[in-house]
Amino acid sequence: MNKNNIKSLSLWLAIGVIGLLATSGVVYALSGNFPIGIETCNNCGFNVPASESSGEEVLGSGTRFPHGLSADSTAPSTGQVRGATLLSTGAGIIGTTLGVGGATTLDGTLSYLELTEAVTATDTIAIAESGKTFYISGTTTTLTLPAISTADGVIFRFVVSGDLSTDVIITTAGAADIIEGTLIVAGAAVDCEAEDKITFVGDGENLGDYFELRSNGTNWFIGSSGALSGSKMTCSTT
């Protein structure tokens, strides 16, 4: 082989090597992966922008992740948008108090608590108290339900928890005749049709007498109920 052929072959080999490297660079830029055989290079060096860390955007390792979450309190780099920081409290994952029940907290243990209130005086019930059980005793005389127009999905339970000094009335806002359903009193069904109040009668109440009310935004419907003695839990219209 003459010298000219050798030079020509060397030139083509050099062009081939440059082309292979260029192709590998394009593949890496598009997919983040090198063609087989190139990724095992132990001495390859790559430029990472000064504003980024090689363990964050390129590899996605460490405590920072490139798709909306960060596991530490480090501020996002310029131009990045990240989701909320994940917290770890004790053995739990999310160290926060939820607005459900009395004090339901995810911090390694989960406590299931019902909202309750010991009622001993006249009161107006708020929509935000939905799901609450009202334990009634003492000198309570009237509990007024919230306006029906904004009470869709609201539910309350009323329970006699102590001696009553007088009758206790649970009434609709504005005395609207919108209570519907059936009370179970001394094992008998008491029909409540277009009523505006339910009364625990104070001279014969029994601890544990109770009823539930739930709303669809138009009416208050009686749910579960029970009273020991006849005529000691009634429904009526003013």
C-alpha atoms as a PDB file:
ATOM      1  CA  MET A   1       0.000   0.000   0.000  1.00  0.00           C
ATOM      2  CA  ASN A   2       1.495   3.326  -1.002  1.00  0.00           C
ATOM      3  CA  LYS A   3       1.801   6.349   1.263  1.00  0.00           C
ATOM      4  CA  ASN A   4      -1.143   8.160  -0.346  1.00  0.00           C
ATOM      5  CA  ASN A   5      -3.491   5.247   0.339  1.00  0.00           C
ATOM      6  CA  ILE A   6      -2.313   5.068   3.951  1.00  0.00           C
ATOM      7  CA  LYS A   7      -2.940   8.798   4.433  1.00  0.00           C
ATOM      8  CA  SER A   8      -6.382   8.477   2.832  1.00  0.00           C
ATOM      9  CA  LEU A   9      -7.310   5.543   5.077  1.00  0.00           C
ATOM     10  CA  SER A  10      -6.098   7.402   8.190  1.00  0.00           C
ATOM     11  CA  LEU A  11      -8.164  10.426   7.218  1.00  0.00           C
ATOM     12  CA  TRP A  12     -11.323   8.350   6.803  1.00  0.00           C
ATOM     13  CA  LEU A  13     -10.733   6.581  10.117  1.00  0.00           C
ATOM     14  CA  ALA A  14     -10.321   9.946  11.856  1.00  0.00           C
ATOM     15  CA  ILE A  15     -13.553  11.222  10.271  1.00  0.00           C
ATOM     16  CA  GLY A  16     -15.335   8.031  11.388  1.00  0.00           C
ATOM     17  CA  VAL A  17     -14.180   8.430  15.002  1.00  0.00           C
ATOM     18  CA  ILE A  18     -15.231  12.099  15.062  1.00  0.00           C
ATOM     19  CA  GLY A  19     -18.613  11.159  13.594  1.00  0.00           C
ATOM     20  CA  LEU A  20     -19.130   8.442  16.237  1.00  0.00           C
ATOM     21  CA  LEU A  21     -18.328  10.860  19.057  1.00  0.00           C
ATOM     22  CA  ALA A  22     -20.591  13.499  17.578  1.00  0.00           C
ATOM     23  CA  THR A  23     -23.436  10.976  17.269  1.00  0.00           C
ATOM     24  CA  SER A  24     -22.914   9.881  20.883  1.00  0.00           C
ATOM     25  CA  GLY A  25     -23.121  13.498  22.014  1.00  0.00           C
ATOM     26  CA  VAL A  26     -26.421  13.969  20.184  1.00  0.00           C
ATOM     27  CA  VAL A  27     -27.872  10.758  21.680  1.00  0.00           C
ATOM     28  CA  TYR A  28     -26.833  11.868  25.169  1.00  0.00           C
ATOM     29  CA  ALA A  29     -28.266  15.343  24.688  1.00  0.00           C
ATOM     30  CA  LEU A  30     -31.620  13.904  23.587  1.00  0.00           C
ATOM     31  CA  SER A  31     -31.995  10.949  25.932  1.00  0.00           C
ATOM     32  CA  GLY A  32     -29.401  11.294  28.681  1.00  0.00           C
ATOM     33  CA  ASN A  33     -27.971   7.895  27.695  1.00  0.00           C
ATOM     34  CA  PHE A  34     -24.859   6.954  25.671  1.00  0.00           C
ATOM     35  CA  PRO A  35     -24.852   4.241  23.020  1.00  0.00           C
ATOM     36  CA  ILE A  36     -23.784   0.836  24.334  1.00  0.00           C
ATOM     37  CA  GLY A  37     -20.092   0.769  25.103  1.00  0.00           C
ATOM     38  CA  ILE A  38     -19.697   4.542  25.539  1.00  0.00           C
ATOM     39  CA  GLU A  39     -21.398   4.843  28.928  1.00  0.00           C
ATOM     40  CA  THR A  40     -18.736   2.672  30.575  1.00  0.00           C
ATOM     41  CA  CYS A  41     -16.037   5.281  29.957  1.00  0.00           C
ATOM     42  CA  ASN A  42     -14.337   5.968  33.278  1.00  0.00           C
ATOM     43  CA  ASN A  43     -12.464   9.087  32.218  1.00  0.00           C
ATOM     44  CA  CYS A  44     -15.188  10.925  30.316  1.00  0.00           C
ATOM     45  CA  GLY A  45     -15.879  14.458  31.487  1.00  0.00           C
ATOM     46  CA  PHE A  46     -19.070  16.480  30.898  1.00  0.00           C
ATOM     47  CA  ASN A  47     -19.866  20.130  31.421  1.00  0.00           C
ATOM     48  CA  VAL A  48     -22.667  20.900  33.875  1.00  0.00           C
ATOM     49  CA  PRO A  49     -24.057  24.464  33.991  1.00  0.00           C
ATOM     50  CA  ALA A  50     -22.740  26.405  36.957  1.00  0.00           C
ATOM     51  CA  SER A  51     -26.285  27.002  38.268  1.00  0.00           C
ATOM     52  CA  GLU A  52     -27.030  23.266  38.573  1.00  0.00           C
ATOM     53  CA  SER A  53     -25.530  20.400  40.529  1.00  0.00           C
ATOM     54  CA  SER A  54     -24.599  17.197  38.752  1.00  0.00           C
ATOM     55  CA  GLY A  55     -26.570  15.152  41.268  1.00  0.00           C
ATOM     56  CA  GLU A  56     -29.769  17.136  40.749  1.00  0.00           C
ATOM     57  CA  GLU A  57     -30.772  17.817  37.183  1.00  0.00           C
ATOM     58  CA  VAL A  58     -28.570  15.343  35.293  1.00  0.00           C
ATOM     59  CA  LEU A  59     -28.951  12.273  37.488  1.00  0.00           C
ATOM     60  CA  GLY A  60     -31.905  13.189  39.712  1.00  0.00           C
ATOM     61  CA  SER A  61     -30.269  11.684  42.796  1.00  0.00           C
ATOM     62  CA  GLY A  62     -29.628  12.953  46.299  1.00  0.00           C
ATOM     63  CA  THR A  63     -32.373  14.827  48.132  1.00  0.00           C
ATOM     64  CA  ARG A  64     -33.631  16.908  45.198  1.00  0.00           C
ATOM     65  CA  PHE A  65     -35.848  15.670  42.376  1.00  0.00           C
ATOM     66  CA  PRO A  66     -36.464  17.361  39.002  1.00  0.00           C
ATOM     67  CA  HIS A  67     -40.225  16.782  38.667  1.00  0.00           C
ATOM     68  CA  GLY A  68     -41.997  18.870  41.290  1.00  0.00           C
ATOM     69  CA  LEU A  69     -40.879  17.519  44.684  1.00  0.00           C
ATOM     70  CA  SER A  70     -37.990  18.256  46.980  1.00  0.00           C
ATOM     71  CA  ALA A  71     -37.128  16.277  50.069  1.00  0.00           C
ATOM     72  CA  ASP A  72     -35.256  19.095  51.768  1.00  0.00           C
ATOM     73  CA  SER A  73     -35.718  22.795  52.446  1.00  0.00           C
ATOM     74  CA  THR A  74     -33.269  23.984  49.784  1.00  0.00           C
ATOM     75  CA  ALA A  75     -34.722  26.734  47.589  1.00  0.00           C
ATOM     76  CA  PRO A  76     -35.272  25.894  43.889  1.00  0.00           C
ATOM     77  CA  SER A  77     -32.585  26.942  41.444  1.00  0.00           C
ATOM     78  CA  THR A  78     -33.283  29.894  39.158  1.00  0.00           C
ATOM     79  CA  GLY A  79     -35.992  29.042  36.651  1.00  0.00           C
ATOM     80  CA  GLN A  80     -37.178  25.944  38.490  1.00  0.00           C
ATOM     81  CA  VAL A  81     -40.618  25.322  39.935  1.00  0.00           C
ATOM     82  CA  ARG A  82     -40.969  22.743  42.646  1.00  0.00           C
ATOM     83  CA  GLY A  83     -43.795  21.329  44.743  1.00  0.00           C
ATOM     84  CA  ALA A  84     -44.118  21.404  48.515  1.00  0.00           C
ATOM     85  CA  THR A  85     -41.270  20.185  50.692  1.00  0.00           C
ATOM     86  CA  LEU A  86     -41.822  16.734  52.177  1.00  0.00           C
ATOM     87  CA  LEU A  87     -41.553  16.645  55.958  1.00  0.00           C
ATOM     88  CA  SER A  88     -40.680  13.777  58.234  1.00  0.00           C
ATOM     89  CA  THR A  89     -41.848  13.825  61.841  1.00  0.00           C
ATOM     90  CA  GLY A  90     -41.044  10.877  64.050  1.00  0.00           C
ATOM     91  CA  ALA A  91     -41.988   7.650  62.340  1.00  0.00           C
ATOM     92  CA  GLY A  92     -44.497   9.369  60.074  1.00  0.00           C
ATOM     93  CA  ILE A  93     -44.271  10.878  56.608  1.00  0.00           C
ATOM     94  CA  ILE A  94     -46.330  14.045  56.820  1.00  0.00           C
ATOM     95  CA  GLY A  95     -45.895  16.213  59.894  1.00  0.00           C
ATOM     96  CA  THR A  96     -49.132  18.165  59.779  1.00  0.00           C
ATOM     97  CA  THR A  97     -52.439  18.419  61.586  1.00  0.00           C
ATOM     98  CA  LEU A  98     -55.544  17.779  59.501  1.00  0.00           C
ATOM     99  CA  GLY A  99     -58.804  19.696  59.921  1.00  0.00           C
ATOM    100  CA  VAL A 100     -60.750  16.478  60.434  1.00  0.00           C
ATOM    101  CA  GLY A 101     -62.279  15.411  63.710  1.00  0.00           C
ATOM    102  CA  GLY A 102     -60.945  16.733  66.976  1.00  0.00           C
ATOM    103  CA  ALA A 103     -57.188  16.405  66.470  1.00  0.00           C
ATOM    104  CA  THR A 104     -56.340  13.894  63.790  1.00  0.00           C
ATOM    105  CA  THR A 105     -52.596  14.044  63.253  1.00  0.00           C
ATOM    106  CA  LEU A 106     -50.327  12.113  60.906  1.00  0.00           C
ATOM    107  CA  ASP A 107     -47.054  11.932  62.800  1.00  0.00           C
ATOM    108  CA  GLY A 108     -46.424   8.240  63.009  1.00  0.00           C
ATOM    109  CA  THR A 109     -49.724   7.455  64.724  1.00  0.00           C
ATOM    110  CA  LEU A 110     -53.238   8.171  63.491  1.00  0.00           C
ATOM    111  CA  SER A 111     -55.880   9.144  66.000  1.00  0.00           C
ATOM    112  CA  TYR A 112     -59.555   8.890  65.036  1.00  0.00           C
ATOM    113  CA  LEU A 113     -61.556  11.403  67.034  1.00  0.00           C
ATOM    114  CA  GLU A 114     -65.168  12.490  66.651  1.00  0.00           C
ATOM    115  CA  LEU A 115     -66.023  16.164  67.000  1.00  0.00           C
ATOM    116  CA  THR A 116     -68.042  16.649  70.187  1.00  0.00           C
ATOM    117  CA  GLU A 117     -69.437  19.472  72.296  1.00  0.00           C
ATOM    118  CA  ALA A 118     -70.897  19.426  75.786  1.00  0.00           C
ATOM    119  CA  VAL A 119     -73.886  21.773  75.575  1.00  0.00           C
ATOM    120  CA  THR A 120     -75.297  23.322  78.727  1.00  0.00           C
ATOM    121  CA  ALA A 121     -76.832  26.543  77.383  1.00  0.00           C
ATOM    122  CA  THR A 122     -78.770  27.907  74.397  1.00  0.00           C
ATOM    123  CA  ASP A 123     -76.687  28.068  71.233  1.00  0.00           C
ATOM    124  CA  THR A 124     -76.804  28.528  67.438  1.00  0.00           C
ATOM    125  CA  ILE A 125     -75.049  25.759  65.523  1.00  0.00           C
ATOM    126  CA  ALA A 126     -72.612  26.641  62.730  1.00  0.00           C
ATOM    127  CA  ILE A 127     -72.225  24.802  59.432  1.00  0.00           C
ATOM    128  CA  ALA A 128     -68.527  24.335  60.254  1.00  0.00           C
ATOM    129  CA  GLU A 129     -69.644  22.058  63.122  1.00  0.00           C
ATOM    130  CA  SER A 130     -70.965  19.448  60.680  1.00  0.00           C
ATOM    131  CA  GLY A 131     -70.234  15.937  61.913  1.00  0.00           C
ATOM    132  CA  LYS A 132     -70.329  16.998  65.559  1.00  0.00           C
ATOM    133  CA  THR A 133     -72.180  15.192  68.332  1.00  0.00           C
ATOM    134  CA  PHE A 134     -73.824  17.582  70.822  1.00  0.00           C
ATOM    135  CA  TYR A 135     -74.080  16.137  74.333  1.00  0.00           C
ATOM    136  CA  ILE A 136     -76.939  17.972  76.035  1.00  0.00           C
ATOM    137  CA  SER A 137     -77.532  18.524  79.743  1.00  0.00           C
ATOM    138  CA  GLY A 138     -78.287  21.209  82.337  1.00  0.00           C
ATOM    139  CA  THR A 139     -80.151  24.388  81.440  1.00  0.00           C
ATOM    140  CA  THR A 140     -80.017  24.162  77.647  1.00  0.00           C
ATOM    141  CA  THR A 141     -83.307  25.397  76.172  1.00  0.00           C
ATOM    142  CA  THR A 142     -82.812  25.885  72.411  1.00  0.00           C
ATOM    143  CA  LEU A 143     -80.310  24.832  69.754  1.00  0.00           C
ATOM    144  CA  THR A 144     -80.868  26.521  66.395  1.00  0.00           C
ATOM    145  CA  LEU A 145     -79.806  24.795  63.188  1.00  0.00           C
ATOM    146  CA  PRO A 146     -77.919  26.708  60.474  1.00  0.00           C
ATOM    147  CA  ALA A 147     -79.782  28.170  57.468  1.00  0.00           C
ATOM    148  CA  ILE A 148     -80.828  25.349  55.153  1.00  0.00           C
ATOM    149  CA  SER A 149     -79.744  27.157  51.970  1.00  0.00           C
ATOM    150  CA  THR A 150     -76.071  26.715  52.844  1.00  0.00           C
ATOM    151  CA  ALA A 151     -76.297  23.414  54.735  1.00  0.00           C
ATOM    152  CA  ASP A 152     -76.175  20.865  51.909  1.00  0.00           C
ATOM    153  CA  GLY A 153     -74.320  17.792  53.210  1.00  0.00           C
ATOM    154  CA  VAL A 154     -74.347  18.880  56.866  1.00  0.00           C
ATOM    155  CA  ILE A 155     -75.018  16.291  59.586  1.00  0.00           C
ATOM    156  CA  PHE A 156     -75.456  16.596  63.376  1.00  0.00           C
ATOM    157  CA  ARG A 157     -76.200  14.211  66.250  1.00  0.00           C
ATOM    158  CA  PHE A 158     -77.913  15.228  69.519  1.00  0.00           C
ATOM    159  CA  VAL A 159     -77.603  13.104  72.669  1.00  0.00           C
ATOM    160  CA  VAL A 160     -78.976  13.531  76.191  1.00  0.00           C
ATOM    161  CA  SER A 161     -75.913  13.194  78.412  1.00  0.00           C
ATOM    162  CA  GLY A 162     -77.225  14.497  81.741  1.00  0.00           C
ATOM    163  CA  ASP A 163     -80.318  15.631  83.613  1.00  0.00           C
ATOM    164  CA  LEU A 164     -82.296  18.357  81.822  1.00  0.00           C
ATOM    165  CA  SER A 165     -83.673  21.270  83.812  1.00  0.00           C
ATOM    166  CA  THR A 166     -86.313  21.942  81.147  1.00  0.00           C
ATOM    167  CA  ASP A 167     -87.399  20.897  77.671  1.00  0.00           C
ATOM    168  CA  VAL A 168     -84.627  21.176  75.079  1.00  0.00           C
ATOM    169  CA  ILE A 169     -85.686  22.227  71.567  1.00  0.00           C
ATOM    170  CA  ILE A 170     -83.644  21.752  68.408  1.00  0.00           C
ATOM    171  CA  THR A 171     -85.212  24.101  65.868  1.00  0.00           C
ATOM    172  CA  THR A 172     -84.721  25.145  62.251  1.00  0.00           C
ATOM    173  CA  ALA A 173     -83.501  28.634  61.320  1.00  0.00           C
ATOM    174  CA  GLY A 174     -86.483  30.979  61.035  1.00  0.00           C
ATOM    175  CA  ALA A 175     -88.786  28.180  62.239  1.00  0.00           C
ATOM    176  CA  ALA A 176     -88.953  26.812  58.688  1.00  0.00           C
ATOM    177  CA  ASP A 177     -91.110  23.665  58.446  1.00  0.00           C
ATOM    178  CA  ILE A 178     -88.480  21.490  56.789  1.00  0.00           C
ATOM    179  CA  ILE A 179     -87.819  18.590  59.193  1.00  0.00           C
ATOM    180  CA  GLU A 180     -88.836  15.263  57.646  1.00  0.00           C
ATOM    181  CA  GLY A 181     -88.580  11.628  58.696  1.00  0.00           C
ATOM    182  CA  THR A 182     -89.339   9.312  61.596  1.00  0.00           C
ATOM    183  CA  LEU A 183     -88.323   9.294  65.246  1.00  0.00           C
ATOM    184  CA  ILE A 184     -88.185   5.978  67.127  1.00  0.00           C
ATOM    185  CA  VAL A 185     -89.622   6.587  70.603  1.00  0.00           C
ATOM    186  CA  ALA A 186     -90.196   3.710  73.055  1.00  0.00           C
ATOM    187  CA  GLY A 187     -89.917   1.352  70.077  1.00  0.00           C
ATOM    188  CA  ALA A 188     -92.682   3.132  68.128  1.00  0.00           C
ATOM    189  CA  ALA A 189     -92.394   5.222  64.963  1.00  0.00           C
ATOM    190  CA  VAL A 190     -93.299   8.890  65.298  1.00  0.00           C
ATOM    191  CA  ASP A 191     -93.944  10.549  61.931  1.00  0.00           C
ATOM    192  CA  CYS A 192     -92.372  13.986  61.487  1.00  0.00           C
ATOM    193  CA  GLU A 193     -93.737  15.717  58.384  1.00  0.00           C
ATOM    194  CA  ALA A 194     -92.934  19.362  57.617  1.00  0.00           C
ATOM    195  CA  GLU A 195     -91.966  20.124  61.236  1.00  0.00           C
ATOM    196  CA  ASP A 196     -89.687  22.867  62.561  1.00  0.00           C
ATOM    197  CA  LYS A 197     -88.504  21.453  65.888  1.00  0.00           C
ATOM    198  CA  ILE A 198     -87.641  18.292  67.777  1.00  0.00           C
ATOM    199  CA  THR A 199     -87.892  18.340  71.563  1.00  0.00           C
ATOM    200  CA  PHE A 200     -86.279  16.334  74.353  1.00  0.00           C
ATOM    201  CA  VAL A 201     -88.959  16.522  77.057  1.00  0.00           C
ATOM    202  CA  GLY A 202     -87.295  17.503  80.308  1.00  0.00           C
ATOM    203  CA  ASP A 203     -89.424  15.614  82.835  1.00  0.00           C
ATOM    204  CA  GLY A 204     -88.700  12.116  81.584  1.00  0.00           C
ATOM    205  CA  GLU A 205     -85.565  12.129  79.483  1.00  0.00           C
ATOM    206  CA  ASN A 206     -83.217   9.162  79.556  1.00  0.00           C
ATOM    207  CA  LEU A 207     -79.452   9.353  79.292  1.00  0.00           C
ATOM    208  CA  GLY A 208     -78.620   8.263  75.754  1.00  0.00           C
ATOM    209  CA  ASP A 209     -81.829   9.439  74.082  1.00  0.00           C
ATOM    210  CA  TYR A 210     -80.677  10.753  70.716  1.00  0.00           C
ATOM    211  CA  PHE A 211     -81.411  11.598  67.083  1.00  0.00           C
ATOM    212  CA  GLU A 212     -79.504  12.628  63.961  1.00  0.00           C
ATOM    213  CA  LEU A 213     -80.296  15.287  61.378  1.00  0.00           C
ATOM    214  CA  ARG A 214     -78.749  15.633  57.922  1.00  0.00           C
ATOM    215  CA  SER A 215     -79.442  18.153  55.169  1.00  0.00           C
ATOM    216  CA  ASN A 216     -79.615  18.076  51.380  1.00  0.00           C
ATOM    217  CA  GLY A 217     -79.837  21.859  51.191  1.00  0.00           C
ATOM    218  CA  THR A 218     -83.664  21.786  51.099  1.00  0.00           C
ATOM    219  CA  ASN A 219     -84.768  19.740  54.117  1.00  0.00           C
ATOM    220  CA  TRP A 220     -83.464  18.365  57.387  1.00  0.00           C
ATOM    221  CA  PHE A 221     -83.907  14.592  57.342  1.00  0.00           C
ATOM    222  CA  ILE A 222     -84.036  12.486  60.516  1.00  0.00           C
ATOM    223  CA  GLY A 223     -81.492   9.694  60.558  1.00  0.00           C
ATOM    224  CA  SER A 224     -80.901   7.221  63.335  1.00  0.00           C
ATOM    225  CA  SER A 225     -82.840   7.942  66.552  1.00  0.00           C
ATOM    226  CA  GLY A 226     -84.007   6.402  69.799  1.00  0.00           C
ATOM    227  CA  ALA A 227     -85.682   7.396  73.067  1.00  0.00           C
ATOM    228  CA  LEU A 228     -86.552   5.102  75.968  1.00  0.00           C
ATOM    229  CA  SER A 229     -89.867   6.535  77.160  1.00  0.00           C
ATOM    230  CA  GLY A 230     -92.998   7.328  75.157  1.00  0.00           C
ATOM    231  CA  SER A 231     -93.712  11.000  74.380  1.00  0.00           C
ATOM    232  CA  LYS A 232     -90.331  12.098  75.757  1.00  0.00           C
ATOM    233  CA  MET A 233     -88.884  12.938  72.336  1.00  0.00           C
ATOM    234  CA  THR A 234     -91.298  14.715  70.008  1.00  0.00           C
ATOM    235  CA  CYS A 235     -91.460  16.658  66.743  1.00  0.00           C
ATOM    236  CA  SER A 236     -93.845  19.542  66.129  1.00  0.00           C
ATOM    237  CA  THR A 237     -94.535  22.817  64.352  1.00  0.00           C
ATOM    238  CA  THR A 238     -94.494  26.161  66.150  1.00  0.00           C
END
